[in-house]
Amino acid sequence: PSVMEHNTIDGESLRAYNVPPDPLLYAFRTLSFQLGKSRT
């Protein structure tokens, strides 16, 4: 359990690079939104 605790060195717990280990890690537990101006 200790290795799955969400501890960070910079307090940025919502940043993808700080995701803690997980034996059932899915998609780095990260939602990735793609934003862009519509072509039409």
PDB file of all heavy atoms in Angstrom:
ATOM      1  N   PRO A   1       0.808  -1.236   0.000  1.00  0.00           N
ATOM      2  CA  PRO A   1       0.000   0.000   0.000  1.00  0.00           C
ATOM      3  C   PRO A   1       0.831   1.271   0.000  1.00  0.00           C
ATOM      4  O   PRO A   1       0.434   2.276  -0.603  1.00  0.00           O
ATOM      5  CB  PRO A   1      -0.820  -0.131   1.296  1.00  0.00           C
ATOM      6  CG  PRO A   1      -0.916  -1.604   1.538  1.00  0.00           C
ATOM      7  CD  PRO A   1       0.395  -2.161   1.070  1.00  0.00           C
ATOM      8  N   SER A   2       1.995   1.258   0.620  1.00  0.00           N
ATOM      9  CA  SER A   2       2.811   2.474   0.734  1.00  0.00           C
ATOM     10  C   SER A   2       3.265   2.999  -0.612  1.00  0.00           C
ATOM     11  O   SER A   2       3.391   4.217  -0.794  1.00  0.00           O
ATOM     12  CB  SER A   2       4.038   2.206   1.616  1.00  0.00           C
ATOM     13  OG  SER A   2       4.845   1.171   1.063  1.00  0.00           O
ATOM     14  N   VAL A   3       3.492   2.124  -1.587  1.00  0.00           N
ATOM     15  CA  VAL A   3       4.007   2.588  -2.885  1.00  0.00           C
ATOM     16  C   VAL A   3       2.901   3.195  -3.737  1.00  0.00           C
ATOM     17  O   VAL A   3       3.180   3.856  -4.746  1.00  0.00           O
ATOM     18  CB  VAL A   3       4.717   1.459  -3.673  1.00  0.00           C
ATOM     19  CG1 VAL A   3       5.826   0.838  -2.865  1.00  0.00           C
ATOM     20  CG2 VAL A   3       3.737   0.399  -4.150  1.00  0.00           C
ATOM     21  N   MET A   4       1.637   2.976  -3.343  1.00  0.00           N
ATOM     22  CA  MET A   4       0.518   3.518  -4.111  1.00  0.00           C
ATOM     23  C   MET A   4       0.023   4.855  -3.562  1.00  0.00           C
ATOM     24  O   MET A   4      -0.905   5.447  -4.110  1.00  0.00           O
ATOM     25  CB  MET A   4      -0.631   2.504  -4.152  1.00  0.00           C
ATOM     26  CG  MET A   4      -0.287   1.223  -4.895  1.00  0.00           C
ATOM     27  SD  MET A   4      -1.682   0.061  -5.010  1.00  0.00           S
ATOM     28  CE  MET A   4      -1.613  -0.710  -3.390  1.00  0.00           C
ATOM     29  N   GLU A   5       0.639   5.321  -2.483  1.00  0.00           N
ATOM     30  CA  GLU A   5       0.236   6.605  -1.915  1.00  0.00           C
ATOM     31  C   GLU A   5       0.591   7.738  -2.867  1.00  0.00           C
ATOM     32  O   GLU A   5       1.646   7.732  -3.500  1.00  0.00           O
ATOM     33  CB  GLU A   5       0.925   6.812  -0.564  1.00  0.00           C
ATOM     34  CG  GLU A   5       0.460   5.829   0.503  1.00  0.00           C
ATOM     35  CD  GLU A   5       1.239   5.992   1.801  1.00  0.00           C
ATOM     36  OE1 GLU A   5       2.164   6.848   1.835  1.00  0.00           O
ATOM     37  OE2 GLU A   5       0.953   5.263   2.760  1.00  0.00           O
ATOM     38  N   HIS A   6      -0.293   8.719  -2.953  1.00  0.00           N
ATOM     39  CA  HIS A   6      -0.107   9.822  -3.912  1.00  0.00           C
ATOM     40  C   HIS A   6       0.690  10.951  -3.259  1.00  0.00           C
ATOM     41  O   HIS A   6       0.150  11.994  -2.876  1.00  0.00           O
ATOM     42  CB  HIS A   6      -1.463  10.328  -4.405  1.00  0.00           C
ATOM     43  CG  HIS A   6      -1.365  11.070  -5.703  1.00  0.00           C
ATOM     44  ND1 HIS A   6      -2.451  11.328  -6.496  1.00  0.00           N
ATOM     45  CD2 HIS A   6      -0.305  11.605  -6.371  1.00  0.00           C
ATOM     46  CE1 HIS A   6      -2.069  11.994  -7.579  1.00  0.00           C
ATOM     47  NE2 HIS A   6      -0.785  12.184  -7.502  1.00  0.00           N
ATOM     48  N   ASN A   7       1.998  10.736  -3.141  1.00  0.00           N
ATOM     49  CA  ASN A   7       2.896  11.759  -2.611  1.00  0.00           C
ATOM     50  C   ASN A   7       3.624  12.433  -3.766  1.00  0.00           C
ATOM     51  O   ASN A   7       3.997  11.780  -4.740  1.00  0.00           O
ATOM     52  CB  ASN A   7       3.912  11.133  -1.656  1.00  0.00           C
ATOM     53  CG  ASN A   7       3.245  10.432  -0.490  1.00  0.00           C
ATOM     54  OD1 ASN A   7       2.301  10.965   0.087  1.00  0.00           O
ATOM     55  ND2 ASN A   7       3.711   9.242  -0.140  1.00  0.00           N
ATOM     56  N   THR A   8       3.842  13.734  -3.657  1.00  0.00           N
ATOM     57  CA  THR A   8       4.534  14.466  -4.718  1.00  0.00           C
ATOM     58  C   THR A   8       5.679  15.277  -4.117  1.00  0.00           C
ATOM     59  O   THR A   8       5.703  15.549  -2.914  1.00  0.00           O
ATOM     60  CB  THR A   8       3.596  15.427  -5.468  1.00  0.00           C
ATOM     61  OG1 THR A   8       3.250  16.511  -4.590  1.00  0.00           O
ATOM     62  CG2 THR A   8       2.325  14.725  -5.911  1.00  0.00           C
ATOM     63  N   ILE A   9       6.636  15.689  -4.971  1.00  0.00           N
ATOM     64  CA  ILE A   9       7.742  16.518  -4.498  1.00  0.00           C
ATOM     65  C   ILE A   9       7.476  17.995  -4.747  1.00  0.00           C
ATOM     66  O   ILE A   9       8.251  18.848  -4.310  1.00  0.00           O
ATOM     67  CB  ILE A   9       9.079  16.113  -5.164  1.00  0.00           C
ATOM     68  CG1 ILE A   9       9.044  16.365  -6.679  1.00  0.00           C
ATOM     69  CG2 ILE A   9       9.415  14.676  -4.863  1.00  0.00           C
ATOM     70  CD1 ILE A   9      10.389  16.145  -7.359  1.00  0.00           C
ATOM     71  N   ASP A  10       6.366  18.285  -5.457  1.00  0.00           N
ATOM     72  CA  ASP A  10       6.085  19.685  -5.788  1.00  0.00           C
ATOM     73  C   ASP A  10       4.651  20.108  -5.503  1.00  0.00           C
ATOM     74  O   ASP A  10       4.249  21.227  -5.821  1.00  0.00           O
ATOM     75  CB  ASP A  10       6.411  19.950  -7.262  1.00  0.00           C
ATOM     76  CG  ASP A  10       5.644  19.033  -8.216  1.00  0.00           C
ATOM     77  OD1 ASP A  10       4.785  18.258  -7.738  1.00  0.00           O
ATOM     78  OD2 ASP A  10       5.900  19.083  -9.426  1.00  0.00           O
ATOM     79  N   GLY A  11       3.856  19.212  -4.920  1.00  0.00           N
ATOM     80  CA  GLY A  11       2.477  19.551  -4.589  1.00  0.00           C
ATOM     81  C   GLY A  11       1.515  19.547  -5.760  1.00  0.00           C
ATOM     82  O   GLY A  11       0.325  19.837  -5.592  1.00  0.00           O
ATOM     83  N   GLU A  12       1.982  19.167  -6.951  1.00  0.00           N
ATOM     84  CA  GLU A  12       1.133  19.197  -8.154  1.00  0.00           C
ATOM     85  C   GLU A  12       0.476  17.832  -8.354  1.00  0.00           C
ATOM     86  O   GLU A  12       0.823  17.071  -9.252  1.00  0.00           O
ATOM     87  CB  GLU A  12       1.979  19.567  -9.379  1.00  0.00           C
ATOM     88  CG  GLU A  12       2.580  20.961  -9.318  1.00  0.00           C
ATOM     89  CD  GLU A  12       1.555  22.048  -9.614  1.00  0.00           C
ATOM     90  OE1 GLU A  12       0.418  21.716  -9.986  1.00  0.00           O
ATOM     91  OE2 GLU A  12       1.907  23.231  -9.478  1.00  0.00           O
ATOM     92  N   SER A  13      -0.497  17.524  -7.525  1.00  0.00           N
ATOM     93  CA  SER A  13      -1.101  16.186  -7.543  1.00  0.00           C
ATOM     94  C   SER A  13      -1.951  15.918  -8.778  1.00  0.00           C
ATOM     95  O   SER A  13      -2.242  14.758  -9.096  1.00  0.00           O
ATOM     96  CB  SER A  13      -1.956  15.985  -6.284  1.00  0.00           C
ATOM     97  OG  SER A  13      -2.995  16.945  -6.231  1.00  0.00           O
ATOM     98  N   LEU A  14      -2.371  16.969  -9.492  1.00  0.00           N
ATOM     99  CA  LEU A  14      -3.200  16.777 -10.689  1.00  0.00           C
ATOM    100  C   LEU A  14      -2.384  16.637 -11.966  1.00  0.00           C
ATOM    101  O   LEU A  14      -2.953  16.438 -13.038  1.00  0.00           O
ATOM    102  CB  LEU A  14      -4.178  17.951 -10.839  1.00  0.00           C
ATOM    103  CG  LEU A  14      -5.184  18.157  -9.703  1.00  0.00           C
ATOM    104  CD1 LEU A  14      -6.139  19.291 -10.046  1.00  0.00           C
ATOM    105  CD2 LEU A  14      -5.965  16.885  -9.405  1.00  0.00           C
ATOM    106  N   ARG A  15      -1.063  16.740 -11.850  1.00  0.00           N
ATOM    107  CA  ARG A  15      -0.204  16.641 -13.032  1.00  0.00           C
ATOM    108  C   ARG A  15       0.113  15.181 -13.350  1.00  0.00           C
ATOM    109  O   ARG A  15       0.380  14.368 -12.451  1.00  0.00           O
ATOM    110  CB  ARG A  15       1.092  17.421 -12.829  1.00  0.00           C
ATOM    111  CG  ARG A  15       0.881  18.911 -12.535  1.00  0.00           C
ATOM    112  CD  ARG A  15       0.310  19.639 -13.741  1.00  0.00           C
ATOM    113  NE  ARG A  15       1.257  19.703 -14.842  1.00  0.00           N
ATOM    114  CZ  ARG A  15       2.196  20.635 -14.969  1.00  0.00           C
ATOM    115  NH1 ARG A  15       2.314  21.606 -14.039  1.00  0.00           N
ATOM    116  NH2 ARG A  15       3.010  20.642 -15.991  1.00  0.00           N
ATOM    117  N   ALA A  16       0.124  14.850 -14.639  1.00  0.00           N
ATOM    118  CA  ALA A  16       0.290  13.457 -15.064  1.00  0.00           C
ATOM    119  C   ALA A  16       1.629  12.863 -14.634  1.00  0.00           C
ATOM    120  O   ALA A  16       1.713  11.659 -14.362  1.00  0.00           O
ATOM    121  CB  ALA A  16       0.136  13.369 -16.581  1.00  0.00           C
ATOM    122  N   TYR A  17       2.672  13.685 -14.563  1.00  0.00           N
ATOM    123  CA  TYR A  17       3.986  13.142 -14.217  1.00  0.00           C
ATOM    124  C   TYR A  17       4.060  12.693 -12.755  1.00  0.00           C
ATOM    125  O   TYR A  17       5.004  12.003 -12.354  1.00  0.00           O
ATOM    126  CB  TYR A  17       5.098  14.149 -14.526  1.00  0.00           C
ATOM    127  CG  TYR A  17       5.036  15.465 -13.754  1.00  0.00           C
ATOM    128  CD1 TYR A  17       5.484  15.542 -12.443  1.00  0.00           C
ATOM    129  CD2 TYR A  17       4.544  16.618 -14.344  1.00  0.00           C
ATOM    130  CE1 TYR A  17       5.434  16.728 -11.739  1.00  0.00           C
ATOM    131  CE2 TYR A  17       4.489  17.821 -13.651  1.00  0.00           C
ATOM    132  CZ  TYR A  17       4.931  17.875 -12.347  1.00  0.00           C
ATOM    133  OH  TYR A  17       4.878  19.057 -11.656  1.00  0.00           O
ATOM    134  N   ASN A  18       3.052  13.063 -11.941  1.00  0.00           N
ATOM    135  CA  ASN A  18       3.040  12.688 -10.526  1.00  0.00           C
ATOM    136  C   ASN A  18       2.131  11.511 -10.212  1.00  0.00           C
ATOM    137  O   ASN A  18       1.923  11.196  -9.032  1.00  0.00           O
ATOM    138  CB  ASN A  18       2.623  13.888  -9.679  1.00  0.00           C
ATOM    139  CG  ASN A  18       3.788  14.793  -9.330  1.00  0.00           C
ATOM    140  OD1 ASN A  18       4.912  14.325  -9.137  1.00  0.00           O
ATOM    141  ND2 ASN A  18       3.543  16.089  -9.260  1.00  0.00           N
ATOM    142  N   VAL A  19       1.575  10.846 -11.203  1.00  0.00           N
ATOM    143  CA  VAL A  19       0.679   9.712 -10.955  1.00  0.00           C
ATOM    144  C   VAL A  19       1.441   8.624 -10.189  1.00  0.00           C
ATOM    145  O   VAL A  19       2.552   8.246 -10.569  1.00  0.00           O
ATOM    146  CB  VAL A  19       0.138   9.135 -12.282  1.00  0.00           C
ATOM    147  CG1 VAL A  19      -0.605   7.827 -12.046  1.00  0.00           C
ATOM    148  CG2 VAL A  19      -0.788  10.139 -12.950  1.00  0.00           C
ATOM    149  N   PRO A  20       0.851   8.107  -9.104  1.00  0.00           N
ATOM    150  CA  PRO A  20       1.533   7.064  -8.332  1.00  0.00           C
ATOM    151  C   PRO A  20       1.389   5.693  -8.983  1.00  0.00           C
ATOM    152  O   PRO A  20       0.492   5.483  -9.820  1.00  0.00           O
ATOM    153  CB  PRO A  20       0.811   7.099  -6.985  1.00  0.00           C
ATOM    154  CG  PRO A  20      -0.577   7.532  -7.338  1.00  0.00           C
ATOM    155  CD  PRO A  20      -0.423   8.504  -8.479  1.00  0.00           C
ATOM    156  N   PRO A  21       2.229   4.733  -8.611  1.00  0.00           N
ATOM    157  CA  PRO A  21       2.121   3.367  -9.144  1.00  0.00           C
ATOM    158  C   PRO A  21       0.791   2.722  -8.773  1.00  0.00           C
ATOM    159  O   PRO A  21       0.170   3.065  -7.765  1.00  0.00           O
ATOM    160  CB  PRO A  21       3.294   2.636  -8.478  1.00  0.00           C
ATOM    161  CG  PRO A  21       4.274   3.709  -8.137  1.00  0.00           C
ATOM    162  CD  PRO A  21       3.434   4.897  -7.761  1.00  0.00           C
ATOM    163  N   ASP A  22       0.384   1.763  -9.612  1.00  0.00           N
ATOM    164  CA  ASP A  22      -0.885   1.067  -9.415  1.00  0.00           C
ATOM    165  C   ASP A  22      -0.795  -0.262 -10.170  1.00  0.00           C
ATOM    166  O   ASP A  22      -0.517  -0.268 -11.369  1.00  0.00           O
ATOM    167  CB  ASP A  22      -2.028   1.924  -9.968  1.00  0.00           C
ATOM    168  CG  ASP A  22      -3.408   1.293  -9.807  1.00  0.00           C
ATOM    169  OD1 ASP A  22      -3.489   0.115  -9.412  1.00  0.00           O
ATOM    170  OD2 ASP A  22      -4.414   1.973 -10.101  1.00  0.00           O
ATOM    171  N   PRO A  23      -0.998  -1.399  -9.499  1.00  0.00           N
ATOM    172  CA  PRO A  23      -0.952  -2.693 -10.198  1.00  0.00           C
ATOM    173  C   PRO A  23      -1.973  -2.794 -11.321  1.00  0.00           C
ATOM    174  O   PRO A  23      -1.834  -3.622 -12.223  1.00  0.00           O
ATOM    175  CB  PRO A  23      -1.253  -3.709  -9.090  1.00  0.00           C
ATOM    176  CG  PRO A  23      -0.926  -3.008  -7.823  1.00  0.00           C
ATOM    177  CD  PRO A  23      -1.241  -1.558  -8.060  1.00  0.00           C
ATOM    178  N   LEU A  24      -3.028  -1.947 -11.253  1.00  0.00           N
ATOM    179  CA  LEU A  24      -4.062  -1.910 -12.292  1.00  0.00           C
ATOM    180  C   LEU A  24      -4.118  -0.516 -12.915  1.00  0.00           C
ATOM    181  O   LEU A  24      -5.193   0.045 -13.153  1.00  0.00           O
ATOM    182  CB  LEU A  24      -5.423  -2.293 -11.703  1.00  0.00           C
ATOM    183  CG  LEU A  24      -5.598  -3.786 -11.377  1.00  0.00           C
ATOM    184  CD1 LEU A  24      -6.827  -4.017 -10.512  1.00  0.00           C
ATOM    185  CD2 LEU A  24      -5.674  -4.619 -12.655  1.00  0.00           C
ATOM    186  N   LEU A  25      -2.957   0.035 -13.194  1.00  0.00           N
ATOM    187  CA  LEU A  25      -2.880   1.367 -13.789  1.00  0.00           C
ATOM    188  C   LEU A  25      -3.525   1.351 -15.175  1.00  0.00           C
ATOM    189  O   LEU A  25      -3.145   0.569 -16.037  1.00  0.00           O
ATOM    190  CB  LEU A  25      -1.420   1.790 -13.910  1.00  0.00           C
ATOM    191  CG  LEU A  25      -1.162   3.188 -14.474  1.00  0.00           C
ATOM    192  CD1 LEU A  25      -1.581   4.260 -13.475  1.00  0.00           C
ATOM    193  CD2 LEU A  25       0.317   3.347 -14.835  1.00  0.00           C
ATOM    194  N   TYR A  26      -4.488   2.225 -15.388  1.00  0.00           N
ATOM    195  CA  TYR A  26      -5.134   2.327 -16.707  1.00  0.00           C
ATOM    196  C   TYR A  26      -4.878   3.701 -17.299  1.00  0.00           C
ATOM    197  O   TYR A  26      -5.191   4.729 -16.687  1.00  0.00           O
ATOM    198  CB  TYR A  26      -6.641   2.073 -16.591  1.00  0.00           C
ATOM    199  CG  TYR A  26      -7.378   2.264 -17.904  1.00  0.00           C
ATOM    200  CD1 TYR A  26      -6.953   1.606 -19.061  1.00  0.00           C
ATOM    201  CD2 TYR A  26      -8.490   3.105 -18.001  1.00  0.00           C
ATOM    202  CE1 TYR A  26      -7.612   1.787 -20.263  1.00  0.00           C
ATOM    203  CE2 TYR A  26      -9.154   3.282 -19.204  1.00  0.00           C
ATOM    204  CZ  TYR A  26      -8.703   2.622 -20.345  1.00  0.00           C
ATOM    205  OH  TYR A  26      -9.346   2.811 -21.549  1.00  0.00           O
ATOM    206  N   ALA A  27      -4.304   3.733 -18.492  1.00  0.00           N
ATOM    207  CA  ALA A  27      -4.086   4.962 -19.257  1.00  0.00           C
ATOM    208  C   ALA A  27      -3.403   6.036 -18.404  1.00  0.00           C
ATOM    209  O   ALA A  27      -3.708   7.221 -18.529  1.00  0.00           O
ATOM    210  CB  ALA A  27      -5.399   5.482 -19.826  1.00  0.00           C
ATOM    211  N   PHE A  28      -2.473   5.586 -17.572  1.00  0.00           N
ATOM    212  CA  PHE A  28      -1.713   6.503 -16.700  1.00  0.00           C
ATOM    213  C   PHE A  28      -2.637   7.329 -15.803  1.00  0.00           C
ATOM    214  O   PHE A  28      -2.250   8.364 -15.300  1.00  0.00           O
ATOM    215  CB  PHE A  28      -0.807   7.423 -17.531  1.00  0.00           C
ATOM    216  CG  PHE A  28      -0.023   6.695 -18.586  1.00  0.00           C
ATOM    217  CD1 PHE A  28      -0.202   6.997 -19.932  1.00  0.00           C
ATOM    218  CD2 PHE A  28       0.861   5.701 -18.241  1.00  0.00           C
ATOM    219  CE1 PHE A  28       0.505   6.309 -20.912  1.00  0.00           C
ATOM    220  CE2 PHE A  28       1.570   5.005 -19.217  1.00  0.00           C
ATOM    221  CZ  PHE A  28       1.394   5.303 -20.552  1.00  0.00           C
ATOM    222  N   ARG A  29      -3.864   6.846 -15.635  1.00  0.00           N
ATOM    223  CA  ARG A  29      -4.894   7.521 -14.819  1.00  0.00           C
ATOM    224  C   ARG A  29      -5.030   8.989 -15.200  1.00  0.00           C
ATOM    225  O   ARG A  29      -5.321   9.852 -14.374  1.00  0.00           O
ATOM    226  CB  ARG A  29      -4.561   7.397 -13.330  1.00  0.00           C
ATOM    227  CG  ARG A  29      -5.827   7.232 -12.479  1.00  0.00           C
ATOM    228  CD  ARG A  29      -5.495   7.047 -11.037  1.00  0.00           C
ATOM    229  NE  ARG A  29      -5.641   8.275 -10.276  1.00  0.00           N
ATOM    230  CZ  ARG A  29      -5.138   8.476  -9.071  1.00  0.00           C
ATOM    231  NH1 ARG A  29      -4.425   7.528  -8.510  1.00  0.00           N
ATOM    232  NH2 ARG A  29      -5.334   9.606  -8.443  1.00  0.00           N
ATOM    233  N   THR A  30      -4.844   9.261 -16.473  1.00  0.00           N
ATOM    234  CA  THR A  30      -4.820  10.643 -16.954  1.00  0.00           C
ATOM    235  C   THR A  30      -5.855  10.864 -18.041  1.00  0.00           C
ATOM    236  O   THR A  30      -5.884  10.131 -19.040  1.00  0.00           O
ATOM    237  CB  THR A  30      -3.422  10.994 -17.501  1.00  0.00           C
ATOM    238  OG1 THR A  30      -2.454  10.834 -16.457  1.00  0.00           O
ATOM    239  CG2 THR A  30      -3.374  12.415 -18.024  1.00  0.00           C
ATOM    240  N   LEU A  31      -6.703  11.864 -17.850  1.00  0.00           N
ATOM    241  CA  LEU A  31      -7.612  12.289 -18.904  1.00  0.00           C
ATOM    242  C   LEU A  31      -6.877  13.253 -19.810  1.00  0.00           C
ATOM    243  O   LEU A  31      -6.332  14.260 -19.343  1.00  0.00           O
ATOM    244  CB  LEU A  31      -8.835  12.993 -18.309  1.00  0.00           C
ATOM    245  CG  LEU A  31     -10.068  12.143 -17.998  1.00  0.00           C
ATOM    246  CD1 LEU A  31     -11.121  13.008 -17.319  1.00  0.00           C
ATOM    247  CD2 LEU A  31     -10.626  11.491 -19.251  1.00  0.00           C
ATOM    248  N   SER A  32      -6.849  12.971 -21.097  1.00  0.00           N
ATOM    249  CA  SER A  32      -6.165  13.834 -22.055  1.00  0.00           C
ATOM    250  C   SER A  32      -7.190  14.435 -23.007  1.00  0.00           C
ATOM    251  O   SER A  32      -7.796  13.727 -23.823  1.00  0.00           O
ATOM    252  CB  SER A  32      -5.118  13.037 -22.847  1.00  0.00           C
ATOM    253  OG  SER A  32      -4.424  13.877 -23.740  1.00  0.00           O
ATOM    254  N   PHE A  33      -7.408  15.747 -22.867  1.00  0.00           N
ATOM    255  CA  PHE A  33      -8.359  16.460 -23.728  1.00  0.00           C
ATOM    256  C   PHE A  33      -7.603  17.101 -24.893  1.00  0.00           C
ATOM    257  O   PHE A  33      -6.565  17.742 -24.695  1.00  0.00           O
ATOM    258  CB  PHE A  33      -9.081  17.554 -22.942  1.00  0.00           C
ATOM    259  CG  PHE A  33      -9.994  17.020 -21.876  1.00  0.00           C
ATOM    260  CD1 PHE A  33      -9.539  16.859 -20.577  1.00  0.00           C
ATOM    261  CD2 PHE A  33     -11.313  16.696 -22.164  1.00  0.00           C
ATOM    262  CE1 PHE A  33     -10.376  16.378 -19.583  1.00  0.00           C
ATOM    263  CE2 PHE A  33     -12.156  16.207 -21.182  1.00  0.00           C
ATOM    264  CZ  PHE A  33     -11.685  16.042 -19.883  1.00  0.00           C
ATOM    265  N   GLN A  34      -8.122  16.903 -26.103  1.00  0.00           N
ATOM    266  CA  GLN A  34      -7.538  17.526 -27.291  1.00  0.00           C
ATOM    267  C   GLN A  34      -8.390  18.740 -27.657  1.00  0.00           C
ATOM    268  O   GLN A  34      -9.586  18.606 -27.934  1.00  0.00           O
ATOM    269  CB  GLN A  34      -7.484  16.540 -28.466  1.00  0.00           C
ATOM    270  CG  GLN A  34      -6.598  15.318 -28.222  1.00  0.00           C
ATOM    271  CD  GLN A  34      -7.269  14.216 -27.434  1.00  0.00           C
ATOM    272  OE1 GLN A  34      -8.392  13.824 -27.722  1.00  0.00           O
ATOM    273  NE2 GLN A  34      -6.594  13.720 -26.404  1.00  0.00           N
ATOM    274  N   LEU A  35      -7.768  19.924 -27.641  1.00  0.00           N
ATOM    275  CA  LEU A  35      -8.469  21.173 -27.917  1.00  0.00           C
ATOM    276  C   LEU A  35      -7.916  21.800 -29.180  1.00  0.00           C
ATOM    277  O   LEU A  35      -6.710  21.796 -29.417  1.00  0.00           O
ATOM    278  CB  LEU A  35      -8.291  22.158 -26.757  1.00  0.00           C
ATOM    279  CG  LEU A  35      -8.468  21.635 -25.333  1.00  0.00           C
ATOM    280  CD1 LEU A  35      -8.145  22.728 -24.329  1.00  0.00           C
ATOM    281  CD2 LEU A  35      -9.880  21.121 -25.120  1.00  0.00           C
ATOM    282  N   GLY A  36      -8.808  22.375 -30.000  1.00  0.00           N
ATOM    283  CA  GLY A  36      -8.344  23.057 -31.201  1.00  0.00           C
ATOM    284  C   GLY A  36      -9.474  23.794 -31.902  1.00  0.00           C
ATOM    285  O   GLY A  36     -10.655  23.438 -31.747  1.00  0.00           O
ATOM    286  N   LYS A  37      -9.109  24.820 -32.639  1.00  0.00           N
ATOM    287  CA  LYS A  37     -10.104  25.577 -33.411  1.00  0.00           C
ATOM    288  C   LYS A  37     -10.653  24.690 -34.522  1.00  0.00           C
ATOM    289  O   LYS A  37      -9.923  24.006 -35.222  1.00  0.00           O
ATOM    290  CB  LYS A  37      -9.457  26.830 -34.017  1.00  0.00           C
ATOM    291  CG  LYS A  37     -10.423  27.706 -34.814  1.00  0.00           C
ATOM    292  CD  LYS A  37      -9.703  28.925 -35.380  1.00  0.00           C
ATOM    293  CE  LYS A  37     -10.669  29.794 -36.195  1.00  0.00           C
ATOM    294  NZ  LYS A  37     -11.216  29.104 -37.370  1.00  0.00           N
ATOM    295  N   SER A  38     -11.960  24.700 -34.662  1.00  0.00           N
ATOM    296  CA  SER A  38     -12.605  23.893 -35.688  1.00  0.00           C
ATOM    297  C   SER A  38     -12.162  24.346 -37.084  1.00  0.00           C
ATOM    298  O   SER A  38     -11.964  25.533 -37.333  1.00  0.00           O
ATOM    299  CB  SER A  38     -14.126  24.000 -35.575  1.00  0.00           C
ATOM    300  OG  SER A  38     -14.751  23.336 -36.654  1.00  0.00           O
ATOM    301  N   ARG A  39     -12.019  23.397 -37.971  1.00  0.00           N
ATOM    302  CA  ARG A  39     -11.630  23.723 -39.351  1.00  0.00           C
ATOM    303  C   ARG A  39     -12.799  24.279 -40.163  1.00  0.00           C
ATOM    304  O   ARG A  39     -12.591  24.918 -41.188  1.00  0.00           O
ATOM    305  CB  ARG A  39     -11.096  22.467 -40.046  1.00  0.00           C
ATOM    306  CG  ARG A  39      -9.792  21.941 -39.454  1.00  0.00           C
ATOM    307  CD  ARG A  39      -9.313  20.718 -40.214  1.00  0.00           C
ATOM    308  NE  ARG A  39      -8.068  20.205 -39.673  1.00  0.00           N
ATOM    309  CZ  ARG A  39      -7.439  19.133 -40.168  1.00  0.00           C
ATOM    310  NH1 ARG A  39      -7.975  18.471 -41.205  1.00  0.00           N
ATOM    311  NH2 ARG A  39      -6.307  18.723 -39.631  1.00  0.00           N
ATOM    312  N   THR A  40     -14.013  24.028 -39.702  1.00  0.00           N
ATOM    313  CA  THR A  40     -15.178  24.410 -40.498  1.00  0.00           C
ATOM    314  C   THR A  40     -15.950  25.595 -39.945  1.00  0.00           C
ATOM    315  O   THR A  40     -16.805  26.155 -40.629  1.00  0.00           O
ATOM    316  CB  THR A  40     -16.139  23.215 -40.621  1.00  0.00           C
ATOM    317  OG1 THR A  40     -16.525  22.801 -39.303  1.00  0.00           O
ATOM    318  CG2 THR A  40     -15.463  22.053 -41.338  1.00  0.00           C
TER     319      THR A  40
END
